[in-house]
Amino acid sequence: MNRVRSPAVAGSFYPRQASELSATVAALLESVELDGQAELPKALIAPHAGYIYSGPVAASAYARLKGLCGGIRRVVLLGPAHRVYVEGLALPSAVRFATPLGTVPLDAEAMRQIRALPQVVEGDEAHRLEHSLEVHLPFLQKLLGDFSLVPLVVGDAASEDVAQVLEMLWGGKETLVVISSDLSHYLPYGAAQQADQDTVSAILALRGALTPEQACGCMPVNGFLCAARRRALTPRLLDARNSGDTAGDKNRVVGYASLAFTEGAPS
């Protein structure tokens, strides 16, 4: 049993060298123009492609965490399974996740509590090569400093099952929920823009009935939106673009969006 989950996509999705990775993340965050609204987000939805493609969109979400180092002490991170079939939500047996910027401890007590749920399974193979969680960690490390992590790879899982796990882990202001998802895949630029606009509208309405064609992370997104409705979270779109806007051609693009969710009534 490997007690540290090693990075799988360093050198491909993001830089392998710590100094280059740190500078890349810093530049992405500095490129975001904040609008002065400083509500503490309870949750973020952000994309998980290579930084050259989705990094600017992800940064628009993570820039909301500037100045919160020490305030957020735990991150509950859910992303879809790309490599292996998962029935339910998979936890790793590891005790730390590594990136070139260092290691992040896992919240052993929180993981012990949710392991009692029938939809939560042990799944090291689901985590071993999965990028949907890993690419978020350098942003979190750069902004939050010391924090613990609850990483879940979500496969075939009902929305209520995902929501139940999130409710157990909800916590207070010390806990941030991050949902990892890209949007449409390999449509022409204009068609992707329309499809992603419809998907974003559904998310903003907290309608959790997305399909894999709309979002590769539809399972964790749908489950989160179920919890968000019950908690009366207020959603806000931060950025929506596709790979044709960042670093790819416009013939077959992948869509990305970043959204923040706050507790309490909208300001």
Protein backbone atom coordinates (compact mmCIF):
# COMPACT_ATOMS: atom_id res chain seq x y z
CA MET A 1 0.00 0.00 0.00
CA ASN A 2 1.52 3.30 -1.10
CA ARG A 3 0.95 5.87 1.61
CA VAL A 4 1.69 8.84 -0.69
CA ARG A 5 -0.18 9.24 -3.96
CA SER A 6 2.43 10.43 -6.45
CA PRO A 7 1.62 12.98 -9.16
CA ALA A 8 0.50 11.34 -12.39
CA VAL A 9 0.30 14.27 -14.80
CA ALA A 10 3.16 16.54 -13.73
CA GLY A 11 5.07 17.36 -16.87
CA SER A 12 2.03 16.93 -19.11
CA PHE A 13 -0.97 18.76 -17.65
CA TYR A 14 1.20 21.20 -15.71
CA PRO A 15 4.95 21.84 -15.21
CA ARG A 16 7.05 19.16 -13.51
CA GLN A 17 9.56 21.50 -11.90
CA ALA A 18 8.40 23.13 -8.67
CA SER A 19 9.78 26.57 -9.51
CA GLU A 20 8.14 26.61 -12.94
CA LEU A 21 4.86 25.29 -11.56
CA SER A 22 4.80 27.89 -8.80
CA ALA A 23 5.47 30.68 -11.29
CA THR A 24 2.83 29.35 -13.70
CA VAL A 25 0.14 29.22 -11.03
CA ALA A 26 1.10 32.66 -9.74
CA ALA A 27 0.88 34.13 -13.25
CA LEU A 28 -2.51 32.54 -13.87
CA LEU A 29 -3.86 33.94 -10.62
CA GLU A 30 -2.40 37.39 -11.24
CA SER A 31 -4.11 37.52 -14.64
CA VAL A 32 -7.55 37.42 -13.01
CA GLU A 33 -9.23 40.77 -12.50
CA LEU A 34 -11.38 40.60 -9.38
CA ASP A 35 -14.46 42.77 -9.21
CA GLY A 36 -14.32 43.74 -5.57
CA GLN A 37 -16.92 41.26 -4.35
CA ALA A 38 -15.23 39.33 -1.59
CA GLU A 39 -17.81 36.81 -0.37
CA LEU A 40 -16.15 33.69 0.98
CA PRO A 41 -17.06 30.87 -1.40
CA LYS A 42 -18.39 27.70 0.18
CA ALA A 43 -17.87 25.82 -3.07
CA LEU A 44 -16.27 26.14 -6.47
CA ILE A 45 -16.80 24.38 -9.78
CA ALA A 46 -13.63 24.53 -11.87
CA PRO A 47 -12.20 22.69 -14.91
CA HIS A 48 -9.44 20.08 -14.98
CA ALA A 49 -7.71 20.10 -18.36
CA GLY A 50 -4.06 20.92 -18.97
CA TYR A 51 -3.17 24.37 -17.68
CA ILE A 52 -2.49 25.69 -21.18
CA TYR A 53 -6.14 24.99 -22.02
CA SER A 54 -8.20 25.45 -18.86
CA GLY A 55 -5.74 27.07 -16.46
CA PRO A 56 -7.01 30.62 -17.02
CA VAL A 57 -10.60 29.53 -16.37
CA ALA A 58 -9.67 27.56 -13.25
CA ALA A 59 -7.67 30.55 -12.01
CA SER A 60 -10.80 32.72 -12.18
CA ALA A 61 -12.30 30.48 -9.49
CA TYR A 62 -9.20 30.10 -7.36
CA ALA A 63 -8.46 33.82 -7.36
CA ARG A 64 -11.49 34.09 -5.05
CA LEU A 65 -9.39 32.39 -2.37
CA LYS A 66 -6.68 35.07 -2.26
CA GLY A 67 -6.06 36.19 1.31
CA LEU A 68 -7.79 33.14 2.81
CA CYS A 69 -4.61 31.28 3.77
CA GLY A 70 -5.29 29.81 7.21
CA GLY A 71 -9.02 30.41 7.01
CA ILE A 72 -9.81 27.37 4.91
CA ARG A 73 -8.31 24.32 6.58
CA ARG A 74 -10.00 21.48 4.69
CA VAL A 75 -10.89 20.95 1.04
CA VAL A 76 -13.41 18.35 -0.08
CA LEU A 77 -12.46 17.65 -3.69
CA LEU A 78 -14.69 15.63 -6.05
CA GLY A 79 -13.94 14.80 -9.66
CA PRO A 80 -15.04 12.29 -12.30
CA ALA A 81 -13.37 8.98 -13.08
CA HIS A 82 -11.62 9.02 -16.46
CA ARG A 83 -9.46 5.88 -16.32
CA VAL A 84 -11.38 3.10 -14.58
CA TYR A 85 -14.98 2.24 -13.83
CA VAL A 86 -16.06 3.24 -10.33
CA GLU A 87 -19.32 2.26 -8.72
CA GLY A 88 -20.00 4.97 -6.18
CA LEU A 89 -17.37 7.33 -4.79
CA ALA A 90 -13.80 6.11 -4.39
CA LEU A 91 -11.42 7.04 -1.58
CA PRO A 92 -7.69 6.26 -1.68
CA SER A 93 -5.74 4.37 0.97
CA ALA A 94 -3.01 7.02 0.79
CA VAL A 95 -2.44 9.42 3.66
CA ARG A 96 -0.94 12.23 1.54
CA PHE A 97 -1.21 13.48 -2.05
CA ALA A 98 1.94 14.83 -3.67
CA THR A 99 2.60 17.45 -6.33
CA PRO A 100 5.89 19.14 -7.26
CA LEU A 101 4.96 21.81 -4.67
CA GLY A 102 4.94 19.31 -1.80
CA THR A 103 2.46 16.98 -0.14
CA VAL A 104 -1.04 17.53 1.20
CA PRO A 105 -2.26 15.47 4.18
CA LEU A 106 -5.59 13.69 3.87
CA ASP A 107 -8.25 14.14 6.55
CA ALA A 108 -8.18 10.65 8.03
CA GLU A 109 -11.05 11.20 10.47
CA ALA A 110 -13.41 12.59 7.82
CA MET A 111 -12.53 9.73 5.49
CA ARG A 112 -13.17 7.21 8.27
CA GLN A 113 -16.65 8.65 8.82
CA ILE A 114 -17.76 8.50 5.19
CA ARG A 115 -16.28 5.01 4.67
CA ALA A 116 -19.28 3.76 6.63
CA LEU A 117 -21.58 4.81 3.77
CA PRO A 118 -22.38 2.04 1.28
CA GLN A 119 -21.70 4.25 -1.75
CA VAL A 120 -18.13 5.02 -0.60
CA VAL A 121 -15.55 2.47 -1.69
CA GLU A 122 -11.78 2.02 -1.47
CA GLY A 123 -10.31 2.64 -4.90
CA ASP A 124 -6.58 3.23 -5.24
CA GLU A 125 -6.68 2.30 -8.92
CA ALA A 126 -9.25 5.03 -9.54
CA HIS A 127 -6.89 7.59 -8.02
CA ARG A 128 -3.55 6.36 -9.34
CA LEU A 129 -3.65 8.03 -12.79
CA GLU A 130 -6.66 10.32 -12.35
CA HIS A 131 -6.02 13.94 -13.35
CA SER A 132 -9.40 15.45 -12.43
CA LEU A 133 -8.35 15.93 -8.79
CA GLU A 134 -4.60 16.35 -9.17
CA VAL A 135 -4.61 19.46 -11.35
CA HIS A 136 -6.46 21.44 -8.67
CA LEU A 137 -3.90 20.81 -5.96
CA PRO A 138 -1.18 23.28 -7.05
CA PHE A 139 -3.73 26.13 -7.00
CA LEU A 140 -4.86 25.11 -3.53
CA GLN A 141 -1.31 24.68 -2.27
CA LYS A 142 -0.31 28.08 -3.57
CA LEU A 143 -3.26 29.86 -1.97
CA LEU A 144 -4.13 27.99 1.21
CA GLY A 145 -0.80 26.88 2.62
CA ASP A 146 -1.51 24.15 5.17
CA PHE A 147 -4.79 22.34 4.65
CA SER A 148 -6.12 18.80 4.65
CA LEU A 149 -7.84 17.07 1.77
CA VAL A 150 -10.73 14.67 1.26
CA PRO A 151 -10.31 13.40 -2.33
CA LEU A 152 -13.16 11.49 -3.98
CA VAL A 153 -13.26 10.09 -7.50
CA VAL A 154 -16.92 9.90 -8.47
CA GLY A 155 -18.09 7.22 -10.86
CA ASP A 156 -21.55 5.72 -11.29
CA ALA A 157 -23.31 7.38 -8.37
CA ALA A 158 -26.79 8.75 -7.82
CA SER A 159 -27.09 12.44 -7.04
CA GLU A 160 -28.56 11.69 -3.62
CA ASP A 161 -25.59 9.44 -2.81
CA VAL A 162 -23.11 12.19 -3.70
CA ALA A 163 -25.15 14.77 -1.78
CA GLN A 164 -25.22 12.53 1.31
CA VAL A 165 -21.42 12.35 1.33
CA LEU A 166 -21.15 16.12 0.93
CA GLU A 167 -23.60 16.72 3.77
CA MET A 168 -21.45 14.63 6.10
CA LEU A 169 -18.38 16.65 5.13
CA TRP A 170 -20.02 20.09 4.86
CA GLY A 171 -18.52 21.65 7.96
CA GLY A 172 -18.35 25.42 8.40
CA LYS A 173 -16.23 28.20 6.96
CA GLU A 174 -13.12 26.09 7.45
CA THR A 175 -14.29 23.65 4.74
CA LEU A 176 -14.25 24.38 1.01
CA VAL A 177 -15.97 22.11 -1.52
CA VAL A 178 -14.38 21.90 -4.98
CA ILE A 179 -16.14 20.13 -7.85
CA SER A 180 -13.96 19.31 -10.85
CA SER A 181 -15.61 19.26 -14.27
CA ASP A 182 -15.08 20.27 -17.86
CA LEU A 183 -18.12 20.89 -20.07
CA SER A 184 -18.81 19.82 -23.67
CA HIS A 185 -16.21 17.86 -25.63
CA TYR A 186 -15.09 18.09 -29.26
CA LEU A 187 -17.90 20.20 -30.70
CA PRO A 188 -17.22 22.98 -33.21
CA TYR A 189 -16.61 26.32 -31.52
CA GLY A 190 -20.05 27.87 -32.04
CA ALA A 191 -21.94 24.71 -31.12
CA ALA A 192 -19.84 24.34 -28.00
CA GLN A 193 -20.56 27.90 -26.94
CA GLN A 194 -24.31 27.30 -27.20
CA ALA A 195 -24.17 23.92 -25.47
CA ASP A 196 -22.05 25.26 -22.64
CA GLN A 197 -24.27 28.30 -22.21
CA ASP A 198 -27.22 25.97 -21.68
CA THR A 199 -25.23 23.89 -19.20
CA VAL A 200 -24.11 26.94 -17.25
CA SER A 201 -27.71 28.18 -17.13
CA ALA A 202 -28.78 24.85 -15.62
CA ILE A 203 -26.02 25.05 -13.01
CA LEU A 204 -26.94 28.63 -12.12
CA ALA A 205 -30.52 27.46 -11.62
CA LEU A 206 -29.19 24.61 -9.41
CA ARG A 207 -30.77 22.07 -11.75
CA GLY A 208 -28.81 18.89 -11.23
CA ALA A 209 -29.77 16.79 -14.23
CA LEU A 210 -26.68 17.20 -16.40
CA THR A 211 -25.61 14.45 -18.79
CA PRO A 212 -22.07 13.31 -19.72
CA GLU A 213 -22.48 15.15 -23.03
CA GLN A 214 -22.94 18.40 -21.11
CA ALA A 215 -20.22 17.89 -18.49
CA CYS A 216 -17.71 15.11 -17.99
CA GLY A 217 -18.09 15.68 -14.25
CA CYS A 218 -21.87 15.50 -14.37
CA MET A 219 -22.07 12.96 -11.51
CA PRO A 220 -20.26 15.08 -8.92
CA VAL A 221 -21.85 18.28 -10.26
CA ASN A 222 -25.38 16.86 -10.07
CA GLY A 223 -24.81 15.59 -6.54
CA PHE A 224 -23.36 18.90 -5.44
CA LEU A 225 -26.28 20.83 -6.94
CA CYS A 226 -28.65 18.62 -4.97
CA ALA A 227 -26.88 19.67 -1.77
CA ALA A 228 -26.65 23.28 -2.95
CA ARG A 229 -30.42 23.50 -3.37
CA ARG A 230 -31.00 22.22 0.16
CA ARG A 231 -28.43 24.62 1.53
CA ALA A 232 -29.82 27.55 -0.50
CA LEU A 233 -26.42 28.41 -1.94
CA THR A 234 -26.12 31.38 -4.26
CA PRO A 235 -24.29 30.58 -7.52
CA ARG A 236 -22.23 32.99 -9.56
CA LEU A 237 -20.61 32.51 -12.95
CA LEU A 238 -16.98 33.66 -12.95
CA ASP A 239 -15.75 32.58 -16.37
CA ALA A 240 -16.87 30.46 -19.32
CA ARG A 241 -14.61 29.76 -22.28
CA ASN A 242 -13.37 26.84 -24.31
CA SER A 243 -10.08 25.56 -25.65
CA GLY A 244 -10.64 27.55 -28.85
CA ASP A 245 -10.33 30.70 -26.72
CA THR A 246 -7.19 29.62 -24.90
CA ALA A 247 -4.78 27.35 -26.76
CA GLY A 248 -6.52 25.20 -29.33
CA ASP A 249 -8.15 25.39 -32.73
CA LYS A 250 -11.86 26.02 -33.12
CA ASN A 251 -12.83 22.86 -34.99
CA ARG A 252 -13.09 20.53 -31.97
CA VAL A 253 -13.08 22.29 -28.63
CA VAL A 254 -13.56 21.45 -24.97
CA GLY A 255 -15.70 23.73 -22.83
CA TYR A 256 -14.79 25.09 -19.41
CA ALA A 257 -16.55 27.14 -16.75
CA SER A 258 -15.78 28.36 -13.26
CA LEU A 259 -18.51 29.14 -10.75
CA ALA A 260 -18.53 30.15 -7.10
CA PHE A 261 -21.26 29.31 -4.58
CA THR A 262 -21.82 31.29 -1.40
CA GLU A 263 -23.96 30.68 1.64
CA GLY A 264 -26.72 33.11 2.57
CA ALA A 265 -28.85 35.43 0.48
CA PRO A 266 -27.33 37.13 -2.57
CA SER A 267 -25.92 40.60 -1.91
